[in-house]
Each structure stands twice: as C-alpha cells, then as structure tokens.
Full PDB file with SEQRES, HELIX, SHEET, SSBOND, CRYST1, ORIGX, SCALE, CONECT and MASTER records, all heavy atoms in Angstrom:
SEQRES   1 A   41  GLY GLU GLY PHE ALA VAL GLU VAL ARG LEU VAL GLU GLU          
SEQRES   2 A   41  LEU GLY ALA ASP ALA TYR LEU HIS GLY LYS ILE VAL GLY          
SEQRES   3 A   41  ALA GLU HIS ALA GLU ALA ASP VAL ALA ASP ILE VAL THR          
SEQRES   4 A   41  ARG VAL                                                      
SHEET    1 AA1 3 VAL A   6  GLU A  13  0                                        
SHEET    2 AA1 3 ALA A  18  ILE A  24 -1                                        
SHEET    3 AA1 3 ILE A  37  ARG A  40 -1                                        
CRYST1    1.000    1.000    1.000  90.00  90.00  90.00 P 1           1          
ORIGX1      1.000000  0.000000  0.000000        0.00000                         
ORIGX2      0.000000  1.000000  0.000000        0.00000                         
ORIGX3      0.000000  0.000000  1.000000        0.00000                         
SCALE1      1.000000  0.000000  0.000000        0.00000                         
SCALE2      0.000000  1.000000  0.000000        0.00000                         
SCALE3      0.000000  0.000000  1.000000        0.00000                         
ATOM      1  N   GLY A   1       3.102 -13.273   7.968  1.00  0.00           N  
ATOM      2  CA  GLY A   1       2.418 -14.562   8.036  1.00  0.00           C  
ATOM      3  C   GLY A   1       0.951 -14.450   8.389  1.00  0.00           C  
ATOM      4  O   GLY A   1       0.206 -15.422   8.270  1.00  0.00           O  
ATOM      5  N   GLU A   2       0.532 -13.259   8.842  1.00  0.00           N  
ATOM      6  CA  GLU A   2      -0.875 -13.069   9.227  1.00  0.00           C  
ATOM      7  C   GLU A   2      -1.671 -12.313   8.173  1.00  0.00           C  
ATOM      8  O   GLU A   2      -2.892 -12.207   8.282  1.00  0.00           O  
ATOM      9  CB  GLU A   2      -0.959 -12.317  10.562  1.00  0.00           C  
ATOM     10  CG  GLU A   2      -0.350 -13.064  11.730  1.00  0.00           C  
ATOM     11  CD  GLU A   2      -0.446 -12.272  13.015  1.00  0.00           C  
ATOM     12  OE1 GLU A   2      -0.863 -11.086  12.955  1.00  0.00           O  
ATOM     13  OE2 GLU A   2      -0.111 -12.816  14.074  1.00  0.00           O  
ATOM     14  N   GLY A   3      -0.994 -11.772   7.168  1.00  0.00           N  
ATOM     15  CA  GLY A   3      -1.687 -10.997   6.150  1.00  0.00           C  
ATOM     16  C   GLY A   3      -0.905 -10.991   4.854  1.00  0.00           C  
ATOM     17  O   GLY A   3       0.165 -11.602   4.742  1.00  0.00           O  
ATOM     18  N   PHE A   4      -1.442 -10.280   3.857  1.00  0.00           N  
ATOM     19  CA  PHE A   4      -0.756 -10.209   2.561  1.00  0.00           C  
ATOM     20  C   PHE A   4       0.275  -9.091   2.584  1.00  0.00           C  
ATOM     21  O   PHE A   4       0.117  -8.070   3.268  1.00  0.00           O  
ATOM     22  CB  PHE A   4      -1.760 -10.025   1.409  1.00  0.00           C  
ATOM     23  CG  PHE A   4      -2.716  -8.871   1.568  1.00  0.00           C  
ATOM     24  CD1 PHE A   4      -2.398  -7.613   1.067  1.00  0.00           C  
ATOM     25  CD2 PHE A   4      -3.942  -9.040   2.205  1.00  0.00           C  
ATOM     26  CE1 PHE A   4      -3.263  -6.545   1.200  1.00  0.00           C  
ATOM     27  CE2 PHE A   4      -4.822  -7.975   2.340  1.00  0.00           C  
ATOM     28  CZ  PHE A   4      -4.485  -6.726   1.841  1.00  0.00           C  
ATOM     29  N   ALA A   5       1.345  -9.307   1.823  1.00  0.00           N  
ATOM     30  CA  ALA A   5       2.464  -8.366   1.827  1.00  0.00           C  
ATOM     31  C   ALA A   5       2.200  -7.185   0.895  1.00  0.00           C  
ATOM     32  O   ALA A   5       1.674  -7.358  -0.203  1.00  0.00           O  
ATOM     33  CB  ALA A   5       3.743  -9.084   1.405  1.00  0.00           C  
ATOM     34  N   VAL A   6       2.572  -5.999   1.351  1.00  0.00           N  
ATOM     35  CA  VAL A   6       2.402  -4.773   0.574  1.00  0.00           C  
ATOM     36  C   VAL A   6       3.690  -3.964   0.641  1.00  0.00           C  
ATOM     37  O   VAL A   6       4.238  -3.743   1.727  1.00  0.00           O  
ATOM     38  CB  VAL A   6       1.218  -3.925   1.107  1.00  0.00           C  
ATOM     39  CG1 VAL A   6       1.172  -2.564   0.430  1.00  0.00           C  
ATOM     40  CG2 VAL A   6      -0.098  -4.654   0.913  1.00  0.00           C  
ATOM     41  N   GLU A   7       4.162  -3.530  -0.511  1.00  0.00           N  
ATOM     42  CA  GLU A   7       5.327  -2.648  -0.569  1.00  0.00           C  
ATOM     43  C   GLU A   7       4.847  -1.204  -0.492  1.00  0.00           C  
ATOM     44  O   GLU A   7       4.017  -0.763  -1.293  1.00  0.00           O  
ATOM     45  CB  GLU A   7       6.104  -2.871  -1.862  1.00  0.00           C  
ATOM     46  CG  GLU A   7       7.337  -1.986  -1.978  1.00  0.00           C  
ATOM     47  CD  GLU A   7       8.055  -2.133  -3.312  1.00  0.00           C  
ATOM     48  OE1 GLU A   7       7.738  -3.089  -4.058  1.00  0.00           O  
ATOM     49  OE2 GLU A   7       8.914  -1.277  -3.610  1.00  0.00           O  
ATOM     50  N   VAL A   8       5.346  -0.459   0.474  1.00  0.00           N  
ATOM     51  CA  VAL A   8       4.910   0.920   0.700  1.00  0.00           C  
ATOM     52  C   VAL A   8       5.487   1.830  -0.378  1.00  0.00           C  
ATOM     53  O   VAL A   8       6.707   1.880  -0.580  1.00  0.00           O  
ATOM     54  CB  VAL A   8       5.335   1.412   2.095  1.00  0.00           C  
ATOM     55  CG1 VAL A   8       4.884   2.861   2.309  1.00  0.00           C  
ATOM     56  CG2 VAL A   8       4.779   0.503   3.179  1.00  0.00           C  
ATOM     57  N   ARG A   9       4.616   2.556  -1.073  1.00  0.00           N  
ATOM     58  CA  ARG A   9       5.057   3.492  -2.116  1.00  0.00           C  
ATOM     59  C   ARG A   9       4.920   4.954  -1.685  1.00  0.00           C  
ATOM     60  O   ARG A   9       5.650   5.820  -2.144  1.00  0.00           O  
ATOM     61  CB  ARG A   9       4.241   3.255  -3.386  1.00  0.00           C  
ATOM     62  CG  ARG A   9       4.518   1.890  -4.042  1.00  0.00           C  
ATOM     63  CD  ARG A   9       5.990   1.762  -4.415  1.00  0.00           C  
ATOM     64  NE  ARG A   9       6.325   0.503  -5.050  1.00  0.00           N  
ATOM     65  CZ  ARG A   9       6.259   0.285  -6.349  1.00  0.00           C  
ATOM     66  NH1 ARG A   9       5.838   1.241  -7.160  1.00  0.00           N  
ATOM     67  NH2 ARG A   9       6.600  -0.893  -6.841  1.00  0.00           N  
ATOM     68  N   LEU A  10       3.964   5.227  -0.799  1.00  0.00           N  
ATOM     69  CA  LEU A  10       3.712   6.619  -0.376  1.00  0.00           C  
ATOM     70  C   LEU A  10       2.967   6.589   0.944  1.00  0.00           C  
ATOM     71  O   LEU A  10       2.135   5.710   1.174  1.00  0.00           O  
ATOM     72  CB  LEU A  10       2.867   7.357  -1.429  1.00  0.00           C  
ATOM     73  CG  LEU A  10       2.371   8.765  -1.070  1.00  0.00           C  
ATOM     74  CD1 LEU A  10       3.542   9.747  -1.018  1.00  0.00           C  
ATOM     75  CD2 LEU A  10       1.333   9.243  -2.083  1.00  0.00           C  
ATOM     76  N   VAL A  11       3.263   7.551   1.813  1.00  0.00           N  
ATOM     77  CA  VAL A  11       2.496   7.721   3.047  1.00  0.00           C  
ATOM     78  C   VAL A  11       2.024   9.166   3.114  1.00  0.00           C  
ATOM     79  O   VAL A  11       2.839  10.096   3.061  1.00  0.00           O  
ATOM     80  CB  VAL A  11       3.326   7.380   4.300  1.00  0.00           C  
ATOM     81  CG1 VAL A  11       2.517   7.673   5.560  1.00  0.00           C  
ATOM     82  CG2 VAL A  11       3.766   5.926   4.272  1.00  0.00           C  
ATOM     83  N   GLU A  12       0.722   9.346   3.206  1.00  0.00           N  
ATOM     84  CA  GLU A  12       0.128  10.684   3.363  1.00  0.00           C  
ATOM     85  C   GLU A  12      -0.146  10.920   4.839  1.00  0.00           C  
ATOM     86  O   GLU A  12      -0.945  10.203   5.448  1.00  0.00           O  
ATOM     87  CB  GLU A  12      -1.183  10.786   2.572  1.00  0.00           C  
ATOM     88  CG  GLU A  12      -1.027  10.799   1.075  1.00  0.00           C  
ATOM     89  CD  GLU A  12      -2.366  10.972   0.380  1.00  0.00           C  
ATOM     90  OE1 GLU A  12      -3.277  10.173   0.659  1.00  0.00           O  
ATOM     91  OE2 GLU A  12      -2.509  11.901  -0.424  1.00  0.00           O  
ATOM     92  N   GLU A  13       0.492  11.913   5.417  1.00  0.00           N  
ATOM     93  CA  GLU A  13       0.275  12.243   6.827  1.00  0.00           C  
ATOM     94  C   GLU A  13      -0.620  13.462   6.907  1.00  0.00           C  
ATOM     95  O   GLU A  13      -0.258  14.548   6.445  1.00  0.00           O  
ATOM     96  CB  GLU A  13       1.616  12.474   7.511  1.00  0.00           C  
ATOM     97  CG  GLU A  13       2.516  11.240   7.483  1.00  0.00           C  
ATOM     98  CD  GLU A  13       3.769  11.406   8.320  1.00  0.00           C  
ATOM     99  OE1 GLU A  13       3.647  11.933   9.442  1.00  0.00           O  
ATOM    100  OE2 GLU A  13       4.854  11.011   7.862  1.00  0.00           O  
ATOM    101  N   LEU A  14      -1.804  13.269   7.518  1.00  0.00           N  
ATOM    102  CA  LEU A  14      -2.814  14.328   7.555  1.00  0.00           C  
ATOM    103  C   LEU A  14      -3.117  14.800   8.971  1.00  0.00           C  
ATOM    104  O   LEU A  14      -4.163  15.391   9.221  1.00  0.00           O  
ATOM    105  CB  LEU A  14      -4.117  13.817   6.898  1.00  0.00           C  
ATOM    106  CG  LEU A  14      -3.965  13.265   5.474  1.00  0.00           C  
ATOM    107  CD1 LEU A  14      -5.296  12.703   4.985  1.00  0.00           C  
ATOM    108  CD2 LEU A  14      -3.483  14.364   4.535  1.00  0.00           C  
ATOM    109  N   GLY A  15      -2.210  14.550   9.890  1.00  0.00           N  
ATOM    110  CA  GLY A  15      -2.445  14.975  11.267  1.00  0.00           C  
ATOM    111  C   GLY A  15      -3.112  13.871  12.055  1.00  0.00           C  
ATOM    112  O   GLY A  15      -2.455  12.991  12.618  1.00  0.00           O  
ATOM    113  N   ALA A  16      -4.438  13.895  12.126  1.00  0.00           N  
ATOM    114  CA  ALA A  16      -5.175  12.889  12.883  1.00  0.00           C  
ATOM    115  C   ALA A  16      -5.142  11.530  12.198  1.00  0.00           C  
ATOM    116  O   ALA A  16      -5.298  10.491  12.846  1.00  0.00           O  
ATOM    117  CB  ALA A  16      -6.624  13.337  13.082  1.00  0.00           C  
ATOM    118  N   ASP A  17      -4.967  11.510  10.882  1.00  0.00           N  
ATOM    119  CA  ASP A  17      -4.938  10.270  10.115  1.00  0.00           C  
ATOM    120  C   ASP A  17      -3.692  10.218   9.242  1.00  0.00           C  
ATOM    121  O   ASP A  17      -3.069  11.248   8.948  1.00  0.00           O  
ATOM    122  CB  ASP A  17      -6.170  10.150   9.207  1.00  0.00           C  
ATOM    123  CG  ASP A  17      -7.449   9.929   9.996  1.00  0.00           C  
ATOM    124  OD1 ASP A  17      -7.445   9.077  10.901  1.00  0.00           O  
ATOM    125  OD2 ASP A  17      -8.445  10.617   9.700  1.00  0.00           O  
ATOM    126  N   ALA A  18      -3.369   9.017   8.828  1.00  0.00           N  
ATOM    127  CA  ALA A  18      -2.311   8.822   7.845  1.00  0.00           C  
ATOM    128  C   ALA A  18      -2.759   7.695   6.920  1.00  0.00           C  
ATOM    129  O   ALA A  18      -3.419   6.747   7.354  1.00  0.00           O  
ATOM    130  CB  ALA A  18      -0.985   8.478   8.513  1.00  0.00           C  
ATOM    131  N   TYR A  19      -2.426   7.823   5.634  1.00  0.00           N  
ATOM    132  CA  TYR A  19      -2.831   6.821   4.659  1.00  0.00           C  
ATOM    133  C   TYR A  19      -1.607   6.268   3.939  1.00  0.00           C  
ATOM    134  O   TYR A  19      -0.777   7.015   3.437  1.00  0.00           O  
ATOM    135  CB  TYR A  19      -3.814   7.410   3.651  1.00  0.00           C  
ATOM    136  CG  TYR A  19      -5.162   7.711   4.269  1.00  0.00           C  
ATOM    137  CD1 TYR A  19      -5.466   8.995   4.737  1.00  0.00           C  
ATOM    138  CD2 TYR A  19      -6.119   6.715   4.410  1.00  0.00           C  
ATOM    139  CE1 TYR A  19      -6.692   9.261   5.327  1.00  0.00           C  
ATOM    140  CE2 TYR A  19      -7.344   6.974   5.004  1.00  0.00           C  
ATOM    141  CZ  TYR A  19      -7.627   8.246   5.456  1.00  0.00           C  
ATOM    142  OH  TYR A  19      -8.835   8.500   6.044  1.00  0.00           O  
ATOM    143  N   LEU A  20      -1.546   4.961   3.917  1.00  0.00           N  
ATOM    144  CA  LEU A  20      -0.468   4.245   3.254  1.00  0.00           C  
ATOM    145  C   LEU A  20      -0.924   3.845   1.856  1.00  0.00           C  
ATOM    146  O   LEU A  20      -1.997   3.248   1.695  1.00  0.00           O  
ATOM    147  CB  LEU A  20      -0.113   3.011   4.085  1.00  0.00           C  
ATOM    148  CG  LEU A  20       0.940   2.020   3.596  1.00  0.00           C  
ATOM    149  CD1 LEU A  20       1.487   1.247   4.797  1.00  0.00           C  
ATOM    150  CD2 LEU A  20       0.373   1.019   2.585  1.00  0.00           C  
ATOM    151  N   HIS A  21      -0.137   4.166   0.848  1.00  0.00           N  
ATOM    152  CA  HIS A  21      -0.382   3.733  -0.525  1.00  0.00           C  
ATOM    153  C   HIS A  21       0.677   2.702  -0.869  1.00  0.00           C  
ATOM    154  O   HIS A  21       1.885   2.970  -0.723  1.00  0.00           O  
ATOM    155  CB  HIS A  21      -0.294   4.911  -1.500  1.00  0.00           C  
ATOM    156  CG  HIS A  21      -1.297   5.982  -1.259  1.00  0.00           C  
ATOM    157  ND1 HIS A  21      -2.355   6.242  -2.115  1.00  0.00           N  
ATOM    158  CD2 HIS A  21      -1.427   6.878  -0.234  1.00  0.00           C  
ATOM    159  CE1 HIS A  21      -3.070   7.241  -1.658  1.00  0.00           C  
ATOM    160  NE2 HIS A  21      -2.530   7.645  -0.509  1.00  0.00           N  
ATOM    161  N   GLY A  22       0.247   1.530  -1.301  1.00  0.00           N  
ATOM    162  CA  GLY A  22       1.232   0.491  -1.571  1.00  0.00           C  
ATOM    163  C   GLY A  22       0.843  -0.439  -2.691  1.00  0.00           C  
ATOM    164  O   GLY A  22      -0.259  -0.354  -3.258  1.00  0.00           O  
ATOM    165  N   LYS A  23       1.758  -1.343  -3.021  1.00  0.00           N  
ATOM    166  CA  LYS A  23       1.553  -2.332  -4.076  1.00  0.00           C  
ATOM    167  C   LYS A  23       1.540  -3.715  -3.448  1.00  0.00           C  
ATOM    168  O   LYS A  23       2.440  -4.065  -2.676  1.00  0.00           O  
ATOM    169  CB  LYS A  23       2.662  -2.246  -5.121  1.00  0.00           C  
ATOM    170  CG  LYS A  23       2.502  -3.210  -6.290  1.00  0.00           C  
ATOM    171  CD  LYS A  23       3.603  -3.008  -7.319  1.00  0.00           C  
ATOM    172  CE  LYS A  23       4.907  -3.637  -6.858  1.00  0.00           C  
ATOM    173  NZ  LYS A  23       4.842  -5.123  -6.872  1.00  0.00           N  
ATOM    174  N   ILE A  24       0.508  -4.507  -3.762  1.00  0.00           N  
ATOM    175  CA  ILE A  24       0.406  -5.854  -3.230  1.00  0.00           C  
ATOM    176  C   ILE A  24       1.499  -6.723  -3.852  1.00  0.00           C  
ATOM    177  O   ILE A  24       1.599  -6.833  -5.076  1.00  0.00           O  
ATOM    178  CB  ILE A  24      -0.983  -6.454  -3.511  1.00  0.00           C  
ATOM    179  CG1 ILE A  24      -2.071  -5.594  -2.867  1.00  0.00           C  
ATOM    180  CG2 ILE A  24      -1.061  -7.889  -2.995  1.00  0.00           C  
ATOM    181  CD1 ILE A  24      -3.477  -6.025  -3.208  1.00  0.00           C  
ATOM    182  N   VAL A  25       2.313  -7.322  -3.015  1.00  0.00           N  
ATOM    183  CA  VAL A  25       3.412  -8.160  -3.485  1.00  0.00           C  
ATOM    184  C   VAL A  25       2.862  -9.510  -3.950  1.00  0.00           C  
ATOM    185  O   VAL A  25       2.109 -10.162  -3.228  1.00  0.00           O  
ATOM    186  CB  VAL A  25       4.458  -8.371  -2.370  1.00  0.00           C  
ATOM    187  CG1 VAL A  25       5.560  -9.323  -2.847  1.00  0.00           C  
ATOM    188  CG2 VAL A  25       5.044  -7.043  -1.930  1.00  0.00           C  
ATOM    189  N   GLY A  26       3.214  -9.891  -5.169  1.00  0.00           N  
ATOM    190  CA  GLY A  26       2.804 -11.188  -5.681  1.00  0.00           C  
ATOM    191  C   GLY A  26       1.419 -11.241  -6.266  1.00  0.00           C  
ATOM    192  O   GLY A  26       0.949 -12.311  -6.663  1.00  0.00           O  
ATOM    193  N   ALA A  27       0.719 -10.097  -6.341  1.00  0.00           N  
ATOM    194  CA  ALA A  27      -0.625 -10.098  -6.924  1.00  0.00           C  
ATOM    195  C   ALA A  27      -0.533 -10.274  -8.433  1.00  0.00           C  
ATOM    196  O   ALA A  27       0.390  -9.772  -9.076  1.00  0.00           O  
ATOM    197  CB  ALA A  27      -1.344  -8.795  -6.592  1.00  0.00           C  
ATOM    198  N   GLU A  28      -1.512 -10.967  -8.995  1.00  0.00           N  
ATOM    199  CA  GLU A  28      -1.544 -11.189 -10.441  1.00  0.00           C  
ATOM    200  C   GLU A  28      -1.678  -9.870 -11.187  1.00  0.00           C  
ATOM    201  O   GLU A  28      -2.439  -8.982 -10.782  1.00  0.00           O  
ATOM    202  CB  GLU A  28      -2.729 -12.088 -10.813  1.00  0.00           C  
ATOM    203  CG  GLU A  28      -2.527 -13.547 -10.504  1.00  0.00           C  
ATOM    204  CD  GLU A  28      -3.652 -14.374 -11.084  1.00  0.00           C  
ATOM    205  OE1 GLU A  28      -4.484 -13.823 -11.842  1.00  0.00           O  
ATOM    206  OE2 GLU A  28      -3.714 -15.571 -10.782  1.00  0.00           O  
ATOM    207  N   HIS A  29      -0.959  -9.744 -12.295  1.00  0.00           N  
ATOM    208  CA  HIS A  29      -1.081  -8.603 -13.201  1.00  0.00           C  
ATOM    209  C   HIS A  29      -0.768  -7.272 -12.523  1.00  0.00           C  
ATOM    210  O   HIS A  29      -1.194  -6.218 -12.986  1.00  0.00           O  
ATOM    211  CB  HIS A  29      -2.471  -8.540 -13.834  1.00  0.00           C  
ATOM    212  CG  HIS A  29      -2.930  -9.844 -14.408  1.00  0.00           C  
ATOM    213  ND1 HIS A  29      -2.236 -10.506 -15.386  1.00  0.00           N  
ATOM    214  CD2 HIS A  29      -4.020 -10.603 -14.126  1.00  0.00           C  
ATOM    215  CE1 HIS A  29      -2.873 -11.633 -15.693  1.00  0.00           C  
ATOM    216  NE2 HIS A  29      -3.952 -11.715 -14.940  1.00  0.00           N  
ATOM    217  N   ALA A  30      -0.083  -7.285 -11.379  1.00  0.00           N  
ATOM    218  CA  ALA A  30       0.241  -6.031 -10.694  1.00  0.00           C  
ATOM    219  C   ALA A  30       1.253  -5.241 -11.511  1.00  0.00           C  
ATOM    220  O   ALA A  30       2.276  -5.767 -11.934  1.00  0.00           O  
ATOM    221  CB  ALA A  30       0.799  -6.318  -9.307  1.00  0.00           C  
ATOM    222  N   GLU A  31       0.941  -3.981 -11.752  1.00  0.00           N  
ATOM    223  CA  GLU A  31       1.870  -3.131 -12.484  1.00  0.00           C  
ATOM    224  C   GLU A  31       2.976  -2.666 -11.536  1.00  0.00           C  
ATOM    225  O   GLU A  31       2.709  -2.214 -10.424  1.00  0.00           O  
ATOM    226  CB  GLU A  31       1.130  -1.931 -13.078  1.00  0.00           C  
ATOM    227  CG  GLU A  31       0.074  -2.322 -14.099  1.00  0.00           C  
ATOM    228  CD  GLU A  31      -0.627  -1.099 -14.673  1.00  0.00           C  
ATOM    229  OE1 GLU A  31       0.070  -0.136 -15.008  1.00  0.00           O  
ATOM    230  OE2 GLU A  31      -1.860  -1.115 -14.770  1.00  0.00           O  
ATOM    231  N   ALA A  32       4.199  -2.762 -11.984  1.00  0.00           N  
ATOM    232  CA  ALA A  32       5.350  -2.557 -11.100  1.00  0.00           C  
ATOM    233  C   ALA A  32       5.362  -1.190 -10.434  1.00  0.00           C  
ATOM    234  O   ALA A  32       5.758  -1.061  -9.279  1.00  0.00           O  
ATOM    235  CB  ALA A  32       6.640  -2.769 -11.890  1.00  0.00           C  
ATOM    236  N   ASP A  33       4.933  -0.167 -11.136  1.00  0.00           N  
ATOM    237  CA  ASP A  33       5.065   1.194 -10.601  1.00  0.00           C  
ATOM    238  C   ASP A  33       3.757   1.781 -10.088  1.00  0.00           C  
ATOM    239  O   ASP A  33       3.647   2.980  -9.898  1.00  0.00           O  
ATOM    240  CB  ASP A  33       5.640   2.117 -11.696  1.00  0.00           C  
ATOM    241  CG  ASP A  33       7.037   1.696 -12.115  1.00  0.00           C  
ATOM    242  OD1 ASP A  33       7.792   1.270 -11.232  1.00  0.00           O  
ATOM    243  OD2 ASP A  33       7.355   1.791 -13.318  1.00  0.00           O  
ATOM    244  N   VAL A  34       2.749   0.934  -9.895  1.00  0.00           N  
ATOM    245  CA  VAL A  34       1.437   1.436  -9.506  1.00  0.00           C  
ATOM    246  C   VAL A  34       1.119   1.031  -8.073  1.00  0.00           C  
ATOM    247  O   VAL A  34       1.255  -0.135  -7.698  1.00  0.00           O  
ATOM    248  CB  VAL A  34       0.344   0.891 -10.458  1.00  0.00           C  
ATOM    249  CG1 VAL A  34      -1.039   1.292  -9.953  1.00  0.00           C  
ATOM    250  CG2 VAL A  34       0.577   1.429 -11.865  1.00  0.00           C  
ATOM    251  N   ALA A  35       0.735   2.004  -7.246  1.00  0.00           N  
ATOM    252  CA  ALA A  35       0.238   1.717  -5.902  1.00  0.00           C  
ATOM    253  C   ALA A  35      -1.226   1.299  -6.044  1.00  0.00           C  
ATOM    254  O   ALA A  35      -2.049   2.073  -6.532  1.00  0.00           O  
ATOM    255  CB  ALA A  35       0.364   2.950  -5.017  1.00  0.00           C  
ATOM    256  N   ASP A  36      -1.551   0.064  -5.651  1.00  0.00           N  
ATOM    257  CA  ASP A  36      -2.894  -0.432  -5.929  1.00  0.00           C  
ATOM    258  C   ASP A  36      -3.738  -0.656  -4.681  1.00  0.00           C  
ATOM    259  O   ASP A  36      -4.792  -1.273  -4.738  1.00  0.00           O  
ATOM    260  CB  ASP A  36      -2.838  -1.716  -6.768  1.00  0.00           C  
ATOM    261  CG  ASP A  36      -2.014  -2.818  -6.112  1.00  0.00           C  
ATOM    262  OD1 ASP A  36      -1.591  -2.628  -4.949  1.00  0.00           O  
ATOM    263  OD2 ASP A  36      -1.810  -3.851  -6.752  1.00  0.00           O  
ATOM    264  N   ILE A  37      -3.269  -0.161  -3.526  1.00  0.00           N  
ATOM    265  CA  ILE A  37      -4.060  -0.291  -2.312  1.00  0.00           C  
ATOM    266  C   ILE A  37      -3.793   0.901  -1.399  1.00  0.00           C  
ATOM    267  O   ILE A  37      -2.673   1.433  -1.340  1.00  0.00           O  
ATOM    268  CB  ILE A  37      -3.746  -1.617  -1.587  1.00  0.00           C  
ATOM    269  CG1 ILE A  37      -4.659  -1.797  -0.374  1.00  0.00           C  
ATOM    270  CG2 ILE A  37      -2.283  -1.696  -1.174  1.00  0.00           C  
ATOM    271  CD1 ILE A  37      -4.542  -3.166   0.265  1.00  0.00           C  
ATOM    272  N   VAL A  38      -4.838   1.335  -0.716  1.00  0.00           N  
ATOM    273  CA  VAL A  38      -4.728   2.434   0.253  1.00  0.00           C  
ATOM    274  C   VAL A  38      -5.299   1.938   1.577  1.00  0.00           C  
ATOM    275  O   VAL A  38      -6.365   1.303   1.597  1.00  0.00           O  
ATOM    276  CB  VAL A  38      -5.516   3.680  -0.201  1.00  0.00           C  
ATOM    277  CG1 VAL A  38      -5.378   4.805   0.835  1.00  0.00           C  
ATOM    278  CG2 VAL A  38      -5.035   4.154  -1.556  1.00  0.00           C  
ATOM    279  N   THR A  39      -4.602   2.204   2.669  1.00  0.00           N  
ATOM    280  CA  THR A  39      -5.119   1.822   3.976  1.00  0.00           C  
ATOM    281  C   THR A  39      -4.799   2.898   5.004  1.00  0.00           C  
ATOM    282  O   THR A  39      -3.788   3.594   4.895  1.00  0.00           O  
ATOM    283  CB  THR A  39      -4.536   0.469   4.434  1.00  0.00           C  
ATOM    284  OG1 THR A  39      -5.108   0.111   5.689  1.00  0.00           O  
ATOM    285  CG2 THR A  39      -3.036   0.550   4.581  1.00  0.00           C  
ATOM    286  N   ARG A  40      -5.683   3.041   5.980  1.00  0.00           N  
ATOM    287  CA  ARG A  40      -5.453   4.008   7.049  1.00  0.00           C  
ATOM    288  C   ARG A  40      -4.546   3.386   8.106  1.00  0.00           C  
ATOM    289  O   ARG A  40      -4.770   2.240   8.517  1.00  0.00           O  
ATOM    290  CB  ARG A  40      -6.782   4.428   7.673  1.00  0.00           C  
ATOM    291  CG  ARG A  40      -6.662   5.577   8.662  1.00  0.00           C  
ATOM    292  CD  ARG A  40      -8.022   6.109   9.048  1.00  0.00           C  
ATOM    293  NE  ARG A  40      -8.797   5.126   9.805  1.00  0.00           N  
ATOM    294  CZ  ARG A  40     -10.079   5.276  10.105  1.00  0.00           C  
ATOM    295  NH1 ARG A  40     -10.743   6.331   9.666  1.00  0.00           N  
ATOM    296  NH2 ARG A  40     -10.711   4.355  10.804  1.00  0.00           N  
ATOM    297  N   VAL A  41      -3.552   4.130   8.555  1.00  0.00           N  
ATOM    298  CA  VAL A  41      -2.611   3.628   9.558  1.00  0.00           C  
ATOM    299  C   VAL A  41      -2.480   4.642  10.687  1.00  0.00           C  
ATOM    300  O   VAL A  41      -2.913   5.794  10.574  1.00  0.00           O  
ATOM    301  CB  VAL A  41      -1.226   3.345   8.918  1.00  0.00           C  
ATOM    302  CG1 VAL A  41      -1.318   2.213   7.910  1.00  0.00           C  
ATOM    303  CG2 VAL A  41      -0.649   4.600   8.259  1.00  0.00           C  
TER     304      VAL A  41                                                      
MASTER        0    0    0    0    3    0    0    6  303    1    0    4          
END                                                                             
C-alpha cells in the first residue's frame, strides 16, 4: 500500500550489497518474462 508491487525474478548477492531484479506488477506493456527493474536491498 506504500509502493508499487514488484515480482522478484532474481537476487544477486555480492557480499556488502545485494540487488533485486524484478518485474513491475500491473505495468503497461510489461513483458511476462522480463525483469524490468533493479534495486539495491
């Protein structure tokens, strides 16, 4: 309820950092099998 929904497709763990690759749920023209956002977690 505080942000947009993202389905997690991959998590890269690099030790000090980790990066989440995901697909925005409900975004227009989103390709089903494509991770379209990366964020540091």
